[in-house]
């Protein structure tokens, strides 16, 4: 049976280990990331008979503007760019 002191010491070591990890500052601004991904889209890459094939683009533009105006620390996350590239 572990003592409470031992449990607290292990928890403290775990917290200290995580406290030393740092996240690198983003190198691209939100606007630069948009351009990197060709946003906002003005045309579809597929064929569509729909009169407005970019159905969700107005929502995306509204959502992004809302996040820019409402969030004080909005940053890009470049860590997963390779996972979602095309």
Protein backbone atom coordinates (compact mmCIF):
# COMPACT_ATOMS: atom_id res chain seq x y z
CA UNK A 1 0.00 0.00 0.00
CA UNK A 2 1.42 3.33 -1.05
CA UNK A 3 1.56 6.06 1.49
CA UNK A 4 -0.16 9.34 0.85
CA UNK A 5 3.25 11.02 0.84
CA UNK A 6 4.41 8.73 -1.96
CA UNK A 7 1.25 9.41 -3.99
CA UNK A 8 1.71 13.16 -3.54
CA UNK A 9 5.38 12.96 -4.56
CA UNK A 10 4.49 11.01 -7.71
CA UNK A 11 1.74 13.48 -8.56
CA UNK A 12 4.15 16.38 -8.04
CA UNK A 13 6.72 14.79 -10.36
CA UNK A 14 4.06 14.27 -13.00
CA UNK A 15 2.91 17.89 -12.77
CA UNK A 16 6.46 19.20 -12.95
CA UNK A 17 7.15 17.07 -16.03
CA UNK A 18 4.14 18.57 -17.82
CA UNK A 19 4.92 22.09 -16.69
CA UNK A 20 8.25 22.00 -18.52
CA UNK A 21 6.65 21.13 -21.86
CA UNK A 22 6.19 24.16 -24.06
CA UNK A 23 4.15 24.65 -27.16
CA UNK A 24 6.01 26.47 -29.92
CA UNK A 25 4.53 29.78 -30.95
CA UNK A 26 2.64 29.62 -34.24
CA UNK A 27 4.63 30.86 -37.20
CA UNK A 28 1.58 31.67 -39.33
CA UNK A 29 -1.18 34.10 -38.45
CA UNK A 30 -4.81 33.07 -38.91
CA UNK A 31 -4.95 35.15 -42.11
CA UNK A 32 -1.76 33.53 -43.47
CA UNK A 33 -3.14 30.08 -42.66
CA UNK A 34 -6.32 30.92 -44.57
CA UNK A 35 -4.32 31.87 -47.66
CA UNK A 36 -2.14 28.76 -47.30
CA UNK A 37 -5.30 26.65 -47.55
CA UNK A 38 -6.82 28.72 -50.37
CA UNK A 39 -9.54 30.19 -48.17
CA UNK A 40 -12.04 31.56 -48.70
CA UNK A 41 -12.94 29.30 -51.57
CA UNK A 42 -14.57 30.93 -54.56
CA UNK A 43 -15.09 27.81 -56.67
CA UNK A 44 -15.65 24.12 -56.13
CA UNK A 45 -13.16 21.45 -57.21
CA UNK A 46 -15.96 19.05 -58.12
CA UNK A 47 -18.83 19.17 -60.51
CA UNK A 48 -22.14 20.38 -59.15
CA UNK A 49 -25.54 21.19 -60.57
CA UNK A 50 -26.40 23.10 -57.39
CA UNK A 51 -26.84 26.85 -58.02
CA UNK A 52 -24.51 27.57 -55.06
CA UNK A 53 -22.05 24.68 -54.76
CA UNK A 54 -20.16 26.38 -51.91
CA UNK A 55 -23.06 25.86 -49.52
CA UNK A 56 -21.03 26.09 -46.28
CA UNK A 57 -18.60 28.88 -47.26
CA UNK A 58 -20.81 31.74 -45.97
CA UNK A 59 -21.06 29.94 -42.63
CA UNK A 60 -17.27 29.38 -42.54
CA UNK A 61 -16.62 33.08 -43.25
CA UNK A 62 -19.06 34.11 -40.51
CA UNK A 63 -17.61 31.58 -38.05
CA UNK A 64 -14.03 32.70 -38.64
CA UNK A 65 -14.92 36.39 -38.27
CA UNK A 66 -16.83 35.58 -35.09
CA UNK A 67 -13.82 33.72 -33.65
CA UNK A 68 -11.44 36.55 -34.62
CA UNK A 69 -13.62 39.16 -32.94
CA UNK A 70 -14.53 37.08 -29.87
CA UNK A 71 -11.40 35.15 -28.94
CA UNK A 72 -8.45 37.07 -27.55
CA UNK A 73 -5.83 34.38 -28.19
CA UNK A 74 -6.90 32.78 -31.48
CA UNK A 75 -3.86 31.05 -32.94
CA UNK A 76 -3.13 28.55 -35.65
CA UNK A 77 -2.09 24.99 -34.86
CA UNK A 78 0.46 23.87 -37.39
CA UNK A 79 1.25 20.61 -35.61
CA UNK A 80 -1.23 18.60 -37.65
CA UNK A 81 -0.83 20.22 -41.05
CA UNK A 82 0.90 17.16 -42.48
CA UNK A 83 -1.98 14.95 -41.32
CA UNK A 84 -4.60 16.91 -43.24
CA UNK A 85 -2.74 18.07 -46.33
CA UNK A 86 -3.97 17.32 -49.80
